Amino acid sequence: MTGRPHAEPDRVALRPLLIASGAVLAVLVAAHLVIGAWLDRGPSPESPTGNAATASEDFAALRARQREHLERTGWVDRRNGIAHIPVERAMELLVEDRVLRSGTENAGTANRNDEDPR
């Protein structure tokens, strides 16, 4: 041993660098071709026409049907007596029920308080 530390040469192996670069380039080109072919395959089954305007109209029609359903009364399960009602009507019924219950609970208290304590 000469006492001097061993130093690596300042040369970069060109062949492995070119092979790795070529492999990365090949993967990128293949991904580009696959994605391009996938995008060019035509409209998807969810959107038969593939037209954005038609998709927007379909969405608007769906929202209109949902809104109509929310604003109507109907049966969910007639045999078990389960129905759906508009949200606003349900809130009105809930308020009426709470008012009636609180009125009944307070009525007994009010009658006791209204009595003459003498």
N, C-alpha and C. Protein backbone atom coordinates (compact mmCIF):
# COMPACT_ATOMS: atom_id res chain seq x y z
N MET A 1 0.85 -1.16 0.00
CA MET A 1 0.00 0.00 0.00
C MET A 1 0.90 1.24 0.00
N THR A 2 0.56 2.15 -0.86
CA THR A 2 1.41 3.32 -1.05
C THR A 2 1.04 4.47 -0.14
N GLY A 3 -0.12 4.42 0.51
CA GLY A 3 -0.52 5.49 1.39
C GLY A 3 -1.40 6.51 0.72
N ARG A 4 -1.55 6.44 -0.57
CA ARG A 4 -2.43 7.39 -1.28
C ARG A 4 -3.81 6.75 -1.44
N PRO A 5 -4.88 7.53 -1.22
CA PRO A 5 -6.22 6.97 -1.41
C PRO A 5 -6.47 6.67 -2.89
N HIS A 6 -7.27 5.65 -3.11
CA HIS A 6 -7.60 5.25 -4.48
C HIS A 6 -8.70 6.16 -5.01
N ALA A 7 -8.47 6.76 -6.13
CA ALA A 7 -9.44 7.67 -6.74
C ALA A 7 -10.02 7.01 -7.99
N GLU A 8 -11.33 7.22 -8.20
CA GLU A 8 -11.96 6.69 -9.40
C GLU A 8 -11.67 7.62 -10.57
N PRO A 9 -11.64 7.07 -11.78
CA PRO A 9 -11.38 7.93 -12.94
C PRO A 9 -12.53 8.90 -13.17
N ASP A 10 -12.25 10.03 -13.79
CA ASP A 10 -13.24 11.05 -14.08
C ASP A 10 -14.04 10.76 -15.35
N ARG A 11 -14.04 9.56 -15.81
CA ARG A 11 -14.74 9.21 -17.03
C ARG A 11 -16.11 8.62 -16.70
N VAL A 12 -17.10 8.96 -17.51
CA VAL A 12 -18.45 8.40 -17.39
C VAL A 12 -18.57 7.35 -18.46
N ALA A 13 -19.10 6.19 -18.09
CA ALA A 13 -19.30 5.13 -19.07
C ALA A 13 -20.44 5.55 -19.99
N LEU A 14 -20.14 5.79 -21.21
CA LEU A 14 -21.12 6.31 -22.16
C LEU A 14 -22.17 5.27 -22.56
N ARG A 15 -21.78 4.03 -22.70
CA ARG A 15 -22.70 3.00 -23.17
C ARG A 15 -23.89 2.82 -22.22
N PRO A 16 -23.73 2.61 -20.90
CA PRO A 16 -24.89 2.47 -20.01
C PRO A 16 -25.78 3.72 -20.01
N LEU A 17 -25.17 4.89 -20.13
CA LEU A 17 -25.93 6.13 -20.17
C LEU A 17 -26.82 6.18 -21.41
N LEU A 18 -26.28 5.80 -22.55
CA LEU A 18 -27.07 5.78 -23.78
C LEU A 18 -28.18 4.72 -23.73
N ILE A 19 -27.89 3.58 -23.17
CA ILE A 19 -28.90 2.52 -23.06
C ILE A 19 -30.06 2.98 -22.16
N ALA A 20 -29.74 3.58 -21.00
CA ALA A 20 -30.78 4.06 -20.09
C ALA A 20 -31.60 5.17 -20.73
N SER A 21 -30.94 6.09 -21.42
CA SER A 21 -31.66 7.19 -22.09
C SER A 21 -32.57 6.65 -23.19
N GLY A 22 -32.08 5.68 -23.94
CA GLY A 22 -32.89 5.06 -24.99
C GLY A 22 -34.11 4.35 -24.42
N ALA A 23 -33.94 3.68 -23.29
CA ALA A 23 -35.06 2.98 -22.66
C ALA A 23 -36.12 3.97 -22.18
N VAL A 24 -35.71 5.05 -21.58
CA VAL A 24 -36.65 6.08 -21.12
C VAL A 24 -37.38 6.68 -22.32
N LEU A 25 -36.66 6.97 -23.38
CA LEU A 25 -37.28 7.53 -24.57
C LEU A 25 -38.28 6.55 -25.18
N ALA A 26 -37.94 5.27 -25.21
CA ALA A 26 -38.85 4.26 -25.76
C ALA A 26 -40.14 4.17 -24.93
N VAL A 27 -40.02 4.24 -23.62
CA VAL A 27 -41.20 4.19 -22.75
C VAL A 27 -42.08 5.41 -22.98
N LEU A 28 -41.49 6.58 -23.11
CA LEU A 28 -42.26 7.80 -23.34
C LEU A 28 -42.98 7.77 -24.69
N VAL A 29 -42.31 7.29 -25.72
CA VAL A 29 -42.95 7.20 -27.03
C VAL A 29 -44.09 6.20 -26.99
N ALA A 30 -43.88 5.04 -26.36
CA ALA A 30 -44.94 4.04 -26.26
C ALA A 30 -46.14 4.59 -25.49
N ALA A 31 -45.90 5.31 -24.40
CA ALA A 31 -46.99 5.89 -23.62
C ALA A 31 -47.75 6.92 -24.45
N HIS A 32 -47.03 7.71 -25.21
CA HIS A 32 -47.67 8.71 -26.08
C HIS A 32 -48.56 8.03 -27.11
N LEU A 33 -48.09 6.97 -27.73
CA LEU A 33 -48.88 6.25 -28.73
C LEU A 33 -50.12 5.59 -28.12
N VAL A 34 -49.95 4.99 -26.96
CA VAL A 34 -51.08 4.32 -26.30
C VAL A 34 -52.14 5.33 -25.89
N ILE A 35 -51.73 6.42 -25.29
CA ILE A 35 -52.69 7.45 -24.86
C ILE A 35 -53.36 8.09 -26.06
N GLY A 36 -52.60 8.35 -27.12
CA GLY A 36 -53.19 8.91 -28.33
C GLY A 36 -54.23 7.98 -28.94
N ALA A 37 -53.93 6.69 -29.00
CA ALA A 37 -54.89 5.72 -29.55
C ALA A 37 -56.13 5.63 -28.65
N TRP A 38 -55.93 5.70 -27.35
CA TRP A 38 -57.05 5.61 -26.42
C TRP A 38 -57.97 6.81 -26.55
N LEU A 39 -57.41 7.99 -26.74
CA LEU A 39 -58.22 9.20 -26.88
C LEU A 39 -58.93 9.26 -28.23
N ASP A 40 -58.38 8.64 -29.24
CA ASP A 40 -58.97 8.67 -30.57
C ASP A 40 -59.98 7.54 -30.81
N ARG A 41 -60.28 6.75 -29.80
CA ARG A 41 -61.15 5.60 -30.02
C ARG A 41 -62.61 5.96 -30.19
N GLY A 42 -62.99 7.19 -29.96
CA GLY A 42 -64.37 7.63 -30.18
C GLY A 42 -65.09 7.87 -28.87
N PRO A 43 -66.41 8.09 -28.97
CA PRO A 43 -67.18 8.42 -27.77
C PRO A 43 -67.28 7.23 -26.83
N SER A 44 -67.39 7.54 -25.56
CA SER A 44 -67.53 6.49 -24.55
C SER A 44 -68.98 6.04 -24.49
N PRO A 45 -69.24 4.86 -23.91
CA PRO A 45 -70.63 4.37 -23.80
C PRO A 45 -71.52 5.28 -22.96
N GLU A 46 -70.93 6.00 -22.00
CA GLU A 46 -71.73 6.90 -21.15
C GLU A 46 -72.26 8.09 -21.95
N SER A 47 -71.51 8.51 -22.94
CA SER A 47 -71.90 9.64 -23.77
C SER A 47 -71.99 9.15 -25.21
N PRO A 48 -73.16 8.70 -25.65
CA PRO A 48 -73.28 8.07 -26.96
C PRO A 48 -72.80 8.96 -28.10
N THR A 49 -72.98 10.25 -27.99
CA THR A 49 -72.59 11.12 -29.09
C THR A 49 -71.19 11.67 -28.92
N GLY A 50 -70.73 11.74 -27.69
CA GLY A 50 -69.42 12.30 -27.42
C GLY A 50 -69.39 13.81 -27.51
N ASN A 51 -70.53 14.44 -27.67
CA ASN A 51 -70.63 15.88 -27.83
C ASN A 51 -70.81 16.52 -26.46
N ALA A 52 -70.00 17.51 -26.13
CA ALA A 52 -70.08 18.15 -24.83
C ALA A 52 -71.42 18.87 -24.64
N ALA A 53 -71.95 19.45 -25.71
CA ALA A 53 -73.23 20.15 -25.61
C ALA A 53 -74.34 19.16 -25.29
N THR A 54 -74.31 17.99 -25.91
CA THR A 54 -75.32 16.97 -25.63
C THR A 54 -75.18 16.45 -24.20
N ALA A 55 -73.96 16.27 -23.75
CA ALA A 55 -73.74 15.82 -22.38
C ALA A 55 -74.29 16.85 -21.40
N SER A 56 -74.11 18.13 -21.70
CA SER A 56 -74.62 19.19 -20.84
C SER A 56 -76.15 19.17 -20.82
N GLU A 57 -76.73 18.94 -21.99
CA GLU A 57 -78.20 18.85 -22.07
C GLU A 57 -78.71 17.63 -21.31
N ASP A 58 -78.01 16.51 -21.42
CA ASP A 58 -78.39 15.30 -20.68
C ASP A 58 -78.35 15.56 -19.19
N PHE A 59 -77.31 16.26 -18.74
CA PHE A 59 -77.19 16.57 -17.32
C PHE A 59 -78.31 17.48 -16.87
N ALA A 60 -78.65 18.46 -17.69
CA ALA A 60 -79.74 19.39 -17.35
C ALA A 60 -81.06 18.63 -17.27
N ALA A 61 -81.28 17.69 -18.18
CA ALA A 61 -82.51 16.90 -18.15
C ALA A 61 -82.56 16.02 -16.90
N LEU A 62 -81.43 15.45 -16.52
CA LEU A 62 -81.37 14.64 -15.31
C LEU A 62 -81.70 15.49 -14.09
N ARG A 63 -81.10 16.67 -14.00
CA ARG A 63 -81.38 17.56 -12.86
C ARG A 63 -82.85 17.97 -12.82
N ALA A 64 -83.46 18.19 -13.99
CA ALA A 64 -84.88 18.56 -14.04
C ALA A 64 -85.73 17.41 -13.53
N ARG A 65 -85.41 16.17 -13.91
CA ARG A 65 -86.18 15.01 -13.42
C ARG A 65 -86.00 14.86 -11.91
N GLN A 66 -84.79 15.07 -11.42
CA GLN A 66 -84.56 14.97 -9.98
C GLN A 66 -85.33 16.06 -9.23
N ARG A 67 -85.32 17.27 -9.74
CA ARG A 67 -86.04 18.38 -9.11
C ARG A 67 -87.54 18.08 -9.07
N GLU A 68 -88.08 17.57 -10.19
CA GLU A 68 -89.50 17.22 -10.26
C GLU A 68 -89.83 16.15 -9.22
N HIS A 69 -88.96 15.17 -9.08
CA HIS A 69 -89.19 14.10 -8.10
C HIS A 69 -89.20 14.67 -6.68
N LEU A 70 -88.30 15.61 -6.40
CA LEU A 70 -88.24 16.21 -5.06
C LEU A 70 -89.47 17.05 -4.75
N GLU A 71 -90.11 17.58 -5.76
CA GLU A 71 -91.24 18.48 -5.54
C GLU A 71 -92.59 17.75 -5.56
N ARG A 72 -92.59 16.44 -5.79
CA ARG A 72 -93.85 15.68 -5.84
C ARG A 72 -93.96 14.74 -4.66
N THR A 73 -95.17 14.27 -4.45
CA THR A 73 -95.45 13.26 -3.44
C THR A 73 -95.64 11.93 -4.15
N GLY A 74 -95.12 10.87 -3.56
CA GLY A 74 -95.28 9.56 -4.18
C GLY A 74 -94.88 8.46 -3.21
N TRP A 75 -95.10 7.24 -3.65
CA TRP A 75 -94.81 6.09 -2.82
C TRP A 75 -93.37 5.61 -3.04
N VAL A 76 -92.70 5.33 -1.94
CA VAL A 76 -91.41 4.66 -1.99
C VAL A 76 -91.66 3.17 -1.87
N ASP A 77 -92.49 2.80 -0.86
CA ASP A 77 -92.88 1.40 -0.64
C ASP A 77 -94.33 1.40 -0.16
N ARG A 78 -95.26 1.26 -1.09
CA ARG A 78 -96.68 1.37 -0.77
C ARG A 78 -97.10 0.30 0.22
N ARG A 79 -96.60 -0.92 0.06
CA ARG A 79 -97.01 -2.03 0.93
C ARG A 79 -96.66 -1.74 2.40
N ASN A 80 -95.53 -1.11 2.64
CA ASN A 80 -95.13 -0.79 4.01
C ASN A 80 -95.51 0.62 4.42
N GLY A 81 -96.21 1.36 3.54
CA GLY A 81 -96.70 2.69 3.88
C GLY A 81 -95.61 3.75 3.93
N ILE A 82 -94.57 3.62 3.10
CA ILE A 82 -93.48 4.60 3.08
C ILE A 82 -93.64 5.46 1.83
N ALA A 83 -93.75 6.77 2.06
CA ALA A 83 -93.95 7.71 0.95
C ALA A 83 -92.86 8.77 0.99
N HIS A 84 -92.70 9.47 -0.12
CA HIS A 84 -91.80 10.63 -0.13
C HIS A 84 -92.66 11.87 -0.37
N ILE A 85 -92.22 12.94 0.28
CA ILE A 85 -92.94 14.21 0.14
C ILE A 85 -91.91 15.29 -0.14
N PRO A 86 -92.34 16.44 -0.65
CA PRO A 86 -91.39 17.53 -0.89
C PRO A 86 -90.70 17.96 0.41
N VAL A 87 -89.47 18.37 0.28
CA VAL A 87 -88.66 18.75 1.44
C VAL A 87 -89.31 19.90 2.21
N GLU A 88 -89.82 20.90 1.51
CA GLU A 88 -90.43 22.04 2.18
C GLU A 88 -91.64 21.60 3.00
N ARG A 89 -92.45 20.68 2.45
CA ARG A 89 -93.63 20.19 3.18
C ARG A 89 -93.19 19.39 4.40
N ALA A 90 -92.14 18.62 4.27
CA ALA A 90 -91.63 17.85 5.40
C ALA A 90 -91.17 18.77 6.52
N MET A 91 -90.52 19.88 6.15
CA MET A 91 -90.08 20.83 7.18
C MET A 91 -91.27 21.49 7.85
N GLU A 92 -92.32 21.82 7.09
CA GLU A 92 -93.52 22.41 7.67
C GLU A 92 -94.17 21.44 8.66
N LEU A 93 -94.26 20.16 8.28
CA LEU A 93 -94.85 19.16 9.17
C LEU A 93 -94.02 18.99 10.44
N LEU A 94 -92.71 19.03 10.31
CA LEU A 94 -91.84 18.91 11.47
C LEU A 94 -92.04 20.09 12.42
N VAL A 95 -92.15 21.30 11.87
CA VAL A 95 -92.36 22.47 12.71
C VAL A 95 -93.72 22.38 13.40
N GLU A 96 -94.76 22.00 12.66
CA GLU A 96 -96.09 21.86 13.25
C GLU A 96 -96.07 20.83 14.38
N ASP A 97 -95.40 19.72 14.16
CA ASP A 97 -95.32 18.68 15.19
C ASP A 97 -94.60 19.20 16.43
N ARG A 98 -93.51 19.91 16.22
CA ARG A 98 -92.77 20.46 17.37
C ARG A 98 -93.61 21.49 18.12
N VAL A 99 -94.34 22.31 17.38
CA VAL A 99 -95.17 23.33 18.02
C VAL A 99 -96.28 22.65 18.84
N LEU A 100 -96.91 21.63 18.26
CA LEU A 100 -97.96 20.92 18.98
C LEU A 100 -97.42 20.24 20.22
N ARG A 101 -96.27 19.60 20.10
CA ARG A 101 -95.68 18.92 21.26
C ARG A 101 -95.28 19.92 22.34
N SER A 102 -94.67 21.02 21.92
CA SER A 102 -94.25 22.00 22.93
C SER A 102 -95.47 22.67 23.54
N GLY A 103 -96.52 22.84 22.75
CA GLY A 103 -97.75 23.42 23.28
C GLY A 103 -98.41 22.51 24.30
N THR A 104 -98.39 21.21 24.03
CA THR A 104 -98.97 20.23 24.96
C THR A 104 -98.15 20.16 26.23
N GLU A 105 -96.83 20.15 26.10
CA GLU A 105 -95.97 20.08 27.27
C GLU A 105 -96.09 21.36 28.10
N ASN A 106 -96.15 22.51 27.44
CA ASN A 106 -96.23 23.78 28.14
C ASN A 106 -97.63 24.06 28.65
N ALA A 107 -98.65 23.40 28.06
CA ALA A 107 -100.02 23.65 28.48
C ALA A 107 -100.22 23.23 29.93
N GLY A 108 -99.68 22.07 30.29
CA GLY A 108 -99.81 21.62 31.67
C GLY A 108 -99.06 22.53 32.62
N THR A 109 -97.92 22.99 32.23
CA THR A 109 -97.14 23.90 33.05
C THR A 109 -97.83 25.25 33.15
N ALA A 110 -98.38 25.70 32.02
CA ALA A 110 -99.05 27.00 32.01
C ALA A 110 -100.27 26.97 32.91
N ASN A 111 -101.02 25.87 32.89
CA ASN A 111 -102.20 25.78 33.74
C ASN A 111 -101.82 25.81 35.21
N ARG A 112 -100.73 25.14 35.56
CA ARG A 112 -100.28 25.15 36.95
C ARG A 112 -99.81 26.54 37.35
N ASN A 113 -99.19 27.25 36.44
CA ASN A 113 -98.67 28.59 36.76
C ASN A 113 -99.79 29.62 36.79
N ASP A 114 -100.86 29.38 36.03
CA ASP A 114 -101.95 30.35 35.98
C ASP A 114 -102.84 30.27 37.22
N GLU A 115 -102.73 29.21 37.98
CA GLU A 115 -103.58 29.08 39.16
C GLU A 115 -103.17 30.13 40.19
N ASP A 116 -104.14 30.58 40.94
CA ASP A 116 -103.89 31.59 41.95
C ASP A 116 -103.17 30.92 43.11
N PRO A 117 -101.98 31.39 43.46
CA PRO A 117 -101.21 30.75 44.52
C PRO A 117 -101.75 31.00 45.91
N ARG A 118 -102.77 31.85 46.10
CA ARG A 118 -103.27 32.19 47.45
C ARG A 118 -104.04 31.10 48.02
